[in-house]
């Protein structure tokens, strides 16, 4: 089996957040076979920003639901949305 790559937006609850620390927390809830390869900080509205993470995960997981569920374990998340995924 191969791998999928997904873009997932993760919106924190707070405006004042250290995104380095935030993404580290996201990485820490993922198993060894799932990797955040890259992330960007994107504006949302009214000073709120989100992390758009590029995640590589096992193909047998299918869509982004399982990855989103894992990322949702981090405290202080307002929302998670899978933007796109494709075979790596």
PDB file of N, CA and C in Angstrom:
ATOM      1  N   UNK A   1       0.836  -1.186   0.000  1.00  0.00           N
ATOM      2  CA  UNK A   1       0.000   0.000   0.000  1.00  0.00           C
ATOM      3  C   UNK A   1       0.878   1.245   0.000  1.00  0.00           C
ATOM      4  N   UNK A   2       0.337   2.320  -0.548  1.00  0.00           N
ATOM      5  CA  UNK A   2       1.070   3.575  -0.632  1.00  0.00           C
ATOM      6  C   UNK A   2       0.677   4.546   0.469  1.00  0.00           C
ATOM      7  N   UNK A   3       0.813   5.802   0.135  1.00  0.00           N
ATOM      8  CA  UNK A   3       0.506   6.853   1.098  1.00  0.00           C
ATOM      9  C   UNK A   3      -0.352   7.920   0.440  1.00  0.00           C
ATOM     10  N   UNK A   4      -1.080   8.643   1.273  1.00  0.00           N
ATOM     11  CA  UNK A   4      -1.846   9.808   0.846  1.00  0.00           C
ATOM     12  C   UNK A   4      -1.203  11.037   1.469  1.00  0.00           C
ATOM     13  N   UNK A   5      -1.427  12.169   0.816  1.00  0.00           N
ATOM     14  CA  UNK A   5      -1.020  13.461   1.349  1.00  0.00           C
ATOM     15  C   UNK A   5      -2.274  14.321   1.418  1.00  0.00           C
ATOM     16  N   UNK A   6      -2.474  14.999   2.538  1.00  0.00           N
ATOM     17  CA  UNK A   6      -3.665  15.831   2.711  1.00  0.00           C
ATOM     18  C   UNK A   6      -3.288  17.224   3.195  1.00  0.00           C
ATOM     19  N   UNK A   7      -4.103  18.188   2.790  1.00  0.00           N
ATOM     20  CA  UNK A   7      -4.031  19.538   3.358  1.00  0.00           C
ATOM     21  C   UNK A   7      -5.202  19.664   4.312  1.00  0.00           C
ATOM     22  N   UNK A   8      -4.891  20.005   5.553  1.00  0.00           N
ATOM     23  CA  UNK A   8      -5.920  20.108   6.581  1.00  0.00           C
ATOM     24  C   UNK A   8      -5.757  21.437   7.309  1.00  0.00           C
ATOM     25  N   UNK A   9      -6.852  22.192   7.415  1.00  0.00           N
ATOM     26  CA  UNK A   9      -6.840  23.440   8.164  1.00  0.00           C
ATOM     27  C   UNK A   9      -7.210  23.161   9.609  1.00  0.00           C
ATOM     28  N   UNK A  10      -6.398  23.681  10.528  1.00  0.00           N
ATOM     29  CA  UNK A  10      -6.657  23.521  11.952  1.00  0.00           C
ATOM     30  C   UNK A  10      -6.731  24.926  12.549  1.00  0.00           C
ATOM     31  N   UNK A  11      -7.907  25.276  13.068  1.00  0.00           N
ATOM     32  CA  UNK A  11      -8.147  26.612  13.602  1.00  0.00           C
ATOM     33  C   UNK A  11      -8.119  26.560  15.125  1.00  0.00           C
ATOM     34  N   UNK A  12      -7.198  27.310  15.747  1.00  0.00           N
ATOM     35  CA  UNK A  12      -7.165  27.348  17.209  1.00  0.00           C
ATOM     36  C   UNK A  12      -8.283  28.231  17.757  1.00  0.00           C
ATOM     37  N   UNK A  13      -8.613  28.046  19.032  1.00  0.00           N
ATOM     38  CA  UNK A  13      -9.648  28.859  19.665  1.00  0.00           C
ATOM     39  C   UNK A  13      -9.164  30.273  19.965  1.00  0.00           C
ATOM     40  N   UNK A  14      -7.882  30.426  20.210  1.00  0.00           N
ATOM     41  CA  UNK A  14      -7.329  31.682  20.693  1.00  0.00           C
ATOM     42  C   UNK A  14      -6.611  32.446  19.585  1.00  0.00           C
ATOM     43  N   UNK A  15      -6.671  33.771  19.661  1.00  0.00           N
ATOM     44  CA  UNK A  15      -5.959  34.631  18.709  1.00  0.00           C
ATOM     45  C   UNK A  15      -4.468  34.649  19.025  1.00  0.00           C
ATOM     46  N   UNK A  16      -4.150  34.749  20.311  1.00  0.00           N
ATOM     47  CA  UNK A  16      -2.753  34.818  20.752  1.00  0.00           C
ATOM     48  C   UNK A  16      -2.215  33.418  20.967  1.00  0.00           C
ATOM     49  N   UNK A  17      -1.604  32.868  19.945  1.00  0.00           N
ATOM     50  CA  UNK A  17      -1.111  31.497  20.021  1.00  0.00           C
ATOM     51  C   UNK A  17       0.273  31.419  19.386  1.00  0.00           C
ATOM     52  N   UNK A  18       1.105  30.595  19.969  1.00  0.00           N
ATOM     53  CA  UNK A  18       2.421  30.318  19.410  1.00  0.00           C
ATOM     54  C   UNK A  18       2.235  29.126  18.460  1.00  0.00           C
ATOM     55  N   UNK A  19       2.277  29.392  17.146  1.00  0.00           N
ATOM     56  CA  UNK A  19       2.001  28.340  16.171  1.00  0.00           C
ATOM     57  C   UNK A  19       3.075  27.261  16.150  1.00  0.00           C
ATOM     58  N   UNK A  20       4.311  27.593  16.497  1.00  0.00           N
ATOM     59  CA  UNK A  20       5.356  26.556  16.581  1.00  0.00           C
ATOM     60  C   UNK A  20       4.940  25.510  17.620  1.00  0.00           C
ATOM     61  N   UNK A  21       4.508  25.991  18.783  1.00  0.00           N
ATOM     62  CA  UNK A  21       4.071  25.114  19.867  1.00  0.00           C
ATOM     63  C   UNK A  21       2.791  24.366  19.482  1.00  0.00           C
ATOM     64  N   UNK A  22       1.872  25.072  18.843  1.00  0.00           N
ATOM     65  CA  UNK A  22       0.598  24.491  18.423  1.00  0.00           C
ATOM     66  C   UNK A  22       0.821  23.318  17.461  1.00  0.00           C
ATOM     67  N   UNK A  23       1.670  23.512  16.456  1.00  0.00           N
ATOM     68  CA  UNK A  23       1.939  22.454  15.473  1.00  0.00           C
ATOM     69  C   UNK A  23       2.699  21.300  16.127  1.00  0.00           C
ATOM     70  N   UNK A  24       3.562  21.606  17.081  1.00  0.00           N
ATOM     71  CA  UNK A  24       4.262  20.549  17.816  1.00  0.00           C
ATOM     72  C   UNK A  24       3.260  19.661  18.563  1.00  0.00           C
ATOM     73  N   UNK A  25       2.244  20.284  19.163  1.00  0.00           N
ATOM     74  CA  UNK A  25       1.198  19.512  19.845  1.00  0.00           C
ATOM     75  C   UNK A  25       0.437  18.637  18.853  1.00  0.00           C
ATOM     76  N   UNK A  26       0.188  19.172  17.656  1.00  0.00           N
ATOM     77  CA  UNK A  26      -0.488  18.381  16.624  1.00  0.00           C
ATOM     78  C   UNK A  26       0.362  17.173  16.239  1.00  0.00           C
ATOM     79  N   UNK A  27       1.658  17.394  16.052  1.00  0.00           N
ATOM     80  CA  UNK A  27       2.571  16.303  15.690  1.00  0.00           C
ATOM     81  C   UNK A  27       2.605  15.228  16.765  1.00  0.00           C
ATOM     82  N   UNK A  28       2.522  15.650  18.028  1.00  0.00           N
ATOM     83  CA  UNK A  28       2.651  14.707  19.142  1.00  0.00           C
ATOM     84  C   UNK A  28       1.475  13.746  19.282  1.00  0.00           C
ATOM     85  N   UNK A  29       0.312  14.070  18.703  1.00  0.00           N
ATOM     86  CA  UNK A  29      -0.836  13.156  18.808  1.00  0.00           C
ATOM     87  C   UNK A  29      -0.893  12.165  17.641  1.00  0.00           C
ATOM     88  N   UNK A  30       0.002  12.320  16.681  1.00  0.00           N
ATOM     89  CA  UNK A  30      -0.001  11.440  15.516  1.00  0.00           C
ATOM     90  C   UNK A  30       0.904  10.230  15.726  1.00  0.00           C
ATOM     91  N   UNK A  31       0.494   9.063  15.226  1.00  0.00           N
ATOM     92  CA  UNK A  31       1.362   7.886  15.325  1.00  0.00           C
ATOM     93  C   UNK A  31       2.593   8.049  14.420  1.00  0.00           C
ATOM     94  N   UNK A  32       3.560   7.170  14.574  1.00  0.00           N
ATOM     95  CA  UNK A  32       4.816   7.248  13.832  1.00  0.00           C
ATOM     96  C   UNK A  32       4.656   7.169  12.318  1.00  0.00           C
ATOM     97  N   UNK A  33       3.587   6.538  11.841  1.00  0.00           N
ATOM     98  CA  UNK A  33       3.402   6.390  10.399  1.00  0.00           C
ATOM     99  C   UNK A  33       2.644   7.566   9.760  1.00  0.00           C
ATOM    100  N   UNK A  34       2.423   8.631  10.541  1.00  0.00           N
ATOM    101  CA  UNK A  34       1.760   9.837  10.051  1.00  0.00           C
ATOM    102  C   UNK A  34       2.670  11.023  10.336  1.00  0.00           C
ATOM    103  N   UNK A  35       2.907  11.848   9.310  1.00  0.00           N
ATOM    104  CA  UNK A  35       3.881  12.924   9.432  1.00  0.00           C
ATOM    105  C   UNK A  35       3.296  14.245   8.944  1.00  0.00           C
ATOM    106  N   UNK A  36       3.478  15.308   9.729  1.00  0.00           N
ATOM    107  CA  UNK A  36       3.199  16.655   9.236  1.00  0.00           C
ATOM    108  C   UNK A  36       4.462  17.104   8.527  1.00  0.00           C
ATOM    109  N   UNK A  37       4.374  17.192   7.198  1.00  0.00           N
ATOM    110  CA  UNK A  37       5.543  17.532   6.391  1.00  0.00           C
ATOM    111  C   UNK A  37       5.824  19.028   6.362  1.00  0.00           C
ATOM    112  N   UNK A  38       4.766  19.819   6.439  1.00  0.00           N
ATOM    113  CA  UNK A  38       4.905  21.260   6.266  1.00  0.00           C
ATOM    114  C   UNK A  38       3.656  21.932   6.829  1.00  0.00           C
ATOM    115  N   UNK A  39       3.777  23.186   7.219  1.00  0.00           N
ATOM    116  CA  UNK A  39       2.590  23.946   7.585  1.00  0.00           C
ATOM    117  C   UNK A  39       2.766  25.410   7.222  1.00  0.00           C
ATOM    118  N   UNK A  40       1.636  26.076   7.007  1.00  0.00           N
ATOM    119  CA  UNK A  40       1.597  27.504   6.735  1.00  0.00           C
ATOM    120  C   UNK A  40       0.585  28.133   7.673  1.00  0.00           C
ATOM    121  N   UNK A  41       0.799  29.386   8.014  1.00  0.00           N
ATOM    122  CA  UNK A  41      -0.162  30.125   8.818  1.00  0.00           C
ATOM    123  C   UNK A  41      -0.970  30.998   7.867  1.00  0.00           C
ATOM    124  N   UNK A  42      -2.291  30.859   7.917  1.00  0.00           N
ATOM    125  CA  UNK A  42      -3.197  31.591   7.040  1.00  0.00           C
ATOM    126  C   UNK A  42      -4.165  32.430   7.878  1.00  0.00           C
ATOM    127  N   UNK A  43      -4.486  33.642   7.425  1.00  0.00           N
ATOM    128  CA  UNK A  43      -5.474  34.454   8.147  1.00  0.00           C
ATOM    129  C   UNK A  43      -6.880  33.885   7.974  1.00  0.00           C
ATOM    130  N   UNK A  44      -7.691  34.018   9.035  1.00  0.00           N
ATOM    131  CA  UNK A  44      -9.091  33.605   8.975  1.00  0.00           C
ATOM    132  C   UNK A  44      -9.955  34.872   8.974  1.00  0.00           C
ATOM    133  N   UNK A  45     -10.026  35.557  10.128  1.00  0.00           N
ATOM    134  CA  UNK A  45     -10.774  36.810  10.256  1.00  0.00           C
ATOM    135  C   UNK A  45     -10.534  37.405  11.632  1.00  0.00           C
ATOM    136  N   UNK A  46     -10.612  38.715  11.719  1.00  0.00           N
ATOM    137  CA  UNK A  46     -10.527  39.433  12.996  1.00  0.00           C
ATOM    138  C   UNK A  46      -9.307  39.044  13.816  1.00  0.00           C
ATOM    139  N   UNK A  47      -8.182  38.862  13.166  1.00  0.00           N
ATOM    140  CA  UNK A  47      -6.942  38.525  13.854  1.00  0.00           C
ATOM    141  C   UNK A  47      -6.732  37.037  14.090  1.00  0.00           C
ATOM    142  N   UNK A  48      -7.759  36.233  13.858  1.00  0.00           N
ATOM    143  CA  UNK A  48      -7.637  34.785  14.035  1.00  0.00           C
ATOM    144  C   UNK A  48      -6.882  34.202  12.837  1.00  0.00           C
ATOM    145  N   UNK A  49      -6.004  33.261  13.123  1.00  0.00           N
ATOM    146  CA  UNK A  49      -5.235  32.591  12.075  1.00  0.00           C
ATOM    147  C   UNK A  49      -5.416  31.087  12.214  1.00  0.00           C
ATOM    148  N   UNK A  50      -5.085  30.365  11.156  1.00  0.00           N
ATOM    149  CA  UNK A  50      -5.172  28.904  11.171  1.00  0.00           C
ATOM    150  C   UNK A  50      -3.867  28.325  10.653  1.00  0.00           C
ATOM    151  N   UNK A  51      -3.629  27.076  11.019  1.00  0.00           N
ATOM    152  CA  UNK A  51      -2.487  26.340  10.487  1.00  0.00           C
ATOM    153  C   UNK A  51      -3.007  25.437   9.381  1.00  0.00           C
ATOM    154  N   UNK A  52      -2.447  25.576   8.191  1.00  0.00           N
ATOM    155  CA  UNK A  52      -2.751  24.645   7.102  1.00  0.00           C
ATOM    156  C   UNK A  52      -1.598  23.651   7.075  1.00  0.00           C
ATOM    157  N   UNK A  53      -1.891  22.414   7.493  1.00  0.00           N
ATOM    158  CA  UNK A  53      -0.849  21.402   7.602  1.00  0.00           C
ATOM    159  C   UNK A  53      -0.920  20.436   6.425  1.00  0.00           C
ATOM    160  N   UNK A  54       0.262  20.035   5.968  1.00  0.00           N
ATOM    161  CA  UNK A  54       0.380  19.007   4.924  1.00  0.00           C
ATOM    162  C   UNK A  54       0.776  17.719   5.634  1.00  0.00           C
ATOM    163  N   UNK A  55      -0.125  16.743   5.597  1.00  0.00           N
ATOM    164  CA  UNK A  55       0.047  15.504   6.351  1.00  0.00           C
ATOM    165  C   UNK A  55       0.188  14.325   5.397  1.00  0.00           C
ATOM    166  N   UNK A  56       1.176  13.478   5.644  1.00  0.00           N
ATOM    167  CA  UNK A  56       1.369  12.231   4.884  1.00  0.00           C
ATOM    168  C   UNK A  56       0.931  11.083   5.791  1.00  0.00           C
ATOM    169  N   UNK A  57       0.041  10.212   5.269  1.00  0.00           N
ATOM    170  CA  UNK A  57      -0.518   9.133   6.088  1.00  0.00           C
ATOM    171  C   UNK A  57      -0.776   7.898   5.225  1.00  0.00           C
ATOM    172  N   UNK A  58      -1.001   6.738   5.865  1.00  0.00           N
ATOM    173  CA  UNK A  58      -1.191   5.491   5.120  1.00  0.00           C
ATOM    174  C   UNK A  58      -2.425   5.534   4.216  1.00  0.00           C
ATOM    175  N   UNK A  59      -2.271   5.012   3.019  1.00  0.00           N
ATOM    176  CA  UNK A  59      -3.355   4.991   2.021  1.00  0.00           C
ATOM    177  C   UNK A  59      -4.587   4.242   2.526  1.00  0.00           C
ATOM    178  N   UNK A  60      -4.374   3.197   3.316  1.00  0.00           N
ATOM    179  CA  UNK A  60      -5.516   2.394   3.777  1.00  0.00           C
ATOM    180  C   UNK A  60      -6.465   3.186   4.687  1.00  0.00           C
ATOM    181  N   UNK A  61      -6.026   4.349   5.168  1.00  0.00           N
ATOM    182  CA  UNK A  61      -6.903   5.195   5.983  1.00  0.00           C
ATOM    183  C   UNK A  61      -7.964   5.874   5.126  1.00  0.00           C
ATOM    184  N   UNK A  62      -7.771   5.912   3.821  1.00  0.00           N
ATOM    185  CA  UNK A  62      -8.742   6.541   2.926  1.00  0.00           C
ATOM    186  C   UNK A  62      -8.718   8.055   3.052  1.00  0.00           C
ATOM    187  N   UNK A  63      -9.886   8.663   3.258  1.00  0.00           N
ATOM    188  CA  UNK A  63     -10.008  10.114   3.377  1.00  0.00           C
ATOM    189  C   UNK A  63      -9.300  10.669   4.601  1.00  0.00           C
ATOM    190  N   UNK A  64      -9.646  11.881   4.967  1.00  0.00           N
ATOM    191  CA  UNK A  64      -8.941  12.571   6.060  1.00  0.00           C
ATOM    192  C   UNK A  64      -9.592  12.385   7.423  1.00  0.00           C
ATOM    193  N   UNK A  65     -10.688  11.645   7.510  1.00  0.00           N
ATOM    194  CA  UNK A  65     -11.432  11.536   8.776  1.00  0.00           C
ATOM    195  C   UNK A  65     -10.564  11.077   9.948  1.00  0.00           C
ATOM    196  N   UNK A  66      -9.778  10.044   9.743  1.00  0.00           N
ATOM    197  CA  UNK A  66      -8.965   9.499  10.839  1.00  0.00           C
ATOM    198  C   UNK A  66      -7.896  10.496  11.289  1.00  0.00           C
ATOM    199  N   UNK A  67      -7.276  11.188  10.324  1.00  0.00           N
ATOM    200  CA  UNK A  67      -6.267  12.196  10.663  1.00  0.00           C
ATOM    201  C   UNK A  67      -6.930  13.340  11.437  1.00  0.00           C
ATOM    202  N   UNK A  68      -8.090  13.789  10.966  1.00  0.00           N
ATOM    203  CA  UNK A  68      -8.809  14.869  11.644  1.00  0.00           C
ATOM    204  C   UNK A  68      -9.186  14.462  13.071  1.00  0.00           C
ATOM    205  N   UNK A  69      -9.598  13.226  13.249  1.00  0.00           N
ATOM    206  CA  UNK A  69      -9.952  12.727  14.583  1.00  0.00           C
ATOM    207  C   UNK A  69      -8.743  12.770  15.519  1.00  0.00           C
ATOM    208  N   UNK A  70      -7.590  12.359  15.031  1.00  0.00           N
ATOM    209  CA  UNK A  70      -6.368  12.390  15.838  1.00  0.00           C
ATOM    210  C   UNK A  70      -5.986  13.824  16.197  1.00  0.00           C
ATOM    211  N   UNK A  71      -6.006  14.719  15.203  1.00  0.00           N
ATOM    212  CA  UNK A  71      -5.649  16.114  15.468  1.00  0.00           C
ATOM    213  C   UNK A  71      -6.627  16.756  16.448  1.00  0.00           C
ATOM    214  N   UNK A  72      -7.878  16.324  16.416  1.00  0.00           N
ATOM    215  CA  UNK A  72      -8.906  16.858  17.306  1.00  0.00           C
ATOM    216  C   UNK A  72      -8.674  16.562  18.776  1.00  0.00           C
ATOM    217  N   UNK A  73      -7.713  15.705  19.087  1.00  0.00           N
ATOM    218  CA  UNK A  73      -7.389  15.401  20.485  1.00  0.00           C
ATOM    219  C   UNK A  73      -6.637  16.536  21.167  1.00  0.00           C
ATOM    220  N   UNK A  74      -6.098  17.460  20.379  1.00  0.00           N
ATOM    221  CA  UNK A  74      -5.348  18.583  20.941  1.00  0.00           C
ATOM    222  C   UNK A  74      -6.330  19.597  21.519  1.00  0.00           C
ATOM    223  N   UNK A  75      -6.060  20.047  22.738  1.00  0.00           N
ATOM    224  CA  UNK A  75      -6.915  21.052  23.365  1.00  0.00           C
ATOM    225  C   UNK A  75      -6.767  22.397  22.680  1.00  0.00           C
ATOM    226  N   UNK A  76      -7.852  23.176  22.690  1.00  0.00           N
ATOM    227  CA  UNK A  76      -7.793  24.527  22.165  1.00  0.00           C
ATOM    228  C   UNK A  76      -8.022  24.643  20.675  1.00  0.00           C
ATOM    229  N   UNK A  77      -8.675  23.650  20.081  1.00  0.00           N
ATOM    230  CA  UNK A  77      -8.970  23.700  18.650  1.00  0.00           C
ATOM    231  C   UNK A  77     -10.429  24.085  18.453  1.00  0.00           C
ATOM    232  N   UNK A  78     -10.624  25.090  17.607  1.00  0.00           N
ATOM    233  CA  UNK A  78     -11.969  25.545  17.280  1.00  0.00           C
ATOM    234  C   UNK A  78     -12.562  24.746  16.127  1.00  0.00           C
ATOM    235  N   UNK A  79     -11.726  24.370  15.175  1.00  0.00           N
ATOM    236  CA  UNK A  79     -12.235  23.623  14.029  1.00  0.00           C
ATOM    237  C   UNK A  79     -11.132  22.962  13.229  1.00  0.00           C
ATOM    238  N   UNK A  80     -11.498  21.895  12.540  1.00  0.00           N
ATOM    239  CA  UNK A  80     -10.583  21.154  11.671  1.00  0.00           C
ATOM    240  C   UNK A  80     -11.337  20.869  10.382  1.00  0.00           C
ATOM    241  N   UNK A  81     -10.670  21.119   9.246  1.00  0.00           N
ATOM    242  CA  UNK A  81     -11.315  20.880   7.968  1.00  0.00           C
ATOM    243  C   UNK A  81     -10.324  20.319   6.970  1.00  0.00           C
ATOM    244  N   UNK A  82     -10.647  19.163   6.418  1.00  0.00           N
ATOM    245  CA  UNK A  82      -9.844  18.596   5.348  1.00  0.00           C
ATOM    246  C   UNK A  82     -10.090  19.385   4.068  1.00  0.00           C
ATOM    247  N   UNK A  83      -9.036  19.906   3.472  1.00  0.00           N
ATOM    248  CA  UNK A  83      -9.154  20.729   2.268  1.00  0.00           C
ATOM    249  C   UNK A  83      -9.011  19.870   1.012  1.00  0.00           C
ATOM    250  N   UNK A  84      -8.006  19.005   1.000  1.00  0.00           N
ATOM    251  CA  UNK A  84      -7.753  18.161  -0.170  1.00  0.00           C
ATOM    252  C   UNK A  84      -6.879  16.992   0.238  1.00  0.00           C
ATOM    253  N   UNK A  85      -6.987  15.892  -0.505  1.00  0.00           N
ATOM    254  CA  UNK A  85      -6.053  14.787  -0.309  1.00  0.00           C
ATOM    255  C   UNK A  85      -5.855  14.079  -1.630  1.00  0.00           C
ATOM    256  N   UNK A  86      -4.701  13.469  -1.759  1.00  0.00           N
ATOM    257  CA  UNK A  86      -4.392  12.735  -2.979  1.00  0.00           C
ATOM    258  C   UNK A  86      -3.347  11.675  -2.678  1.00  0.00           C
ATOM    259  N   UNK A  87      -3.190  10.776  -3.607  1.00  0.00           N
ATOM    260  CA  UNK A  87      -2.175   9.744  -3.468  1.00  0.00           C
ATOM    261  C   UNK A  87      -0.799  10.407  -3.571  1.00  0.00           C
ATOM    262  N   UNK A  88       0.108   9.997  -2.693  1.00  0.00           N
ATOM    263  CA  UNK A  88       1.440  10.608  -2.669  1.00  0.00           C
ATOM    264  C   UNK A  88       2.287  10.130  -3.827  1.00  0.00           C
TER     265      UNK A  88
END
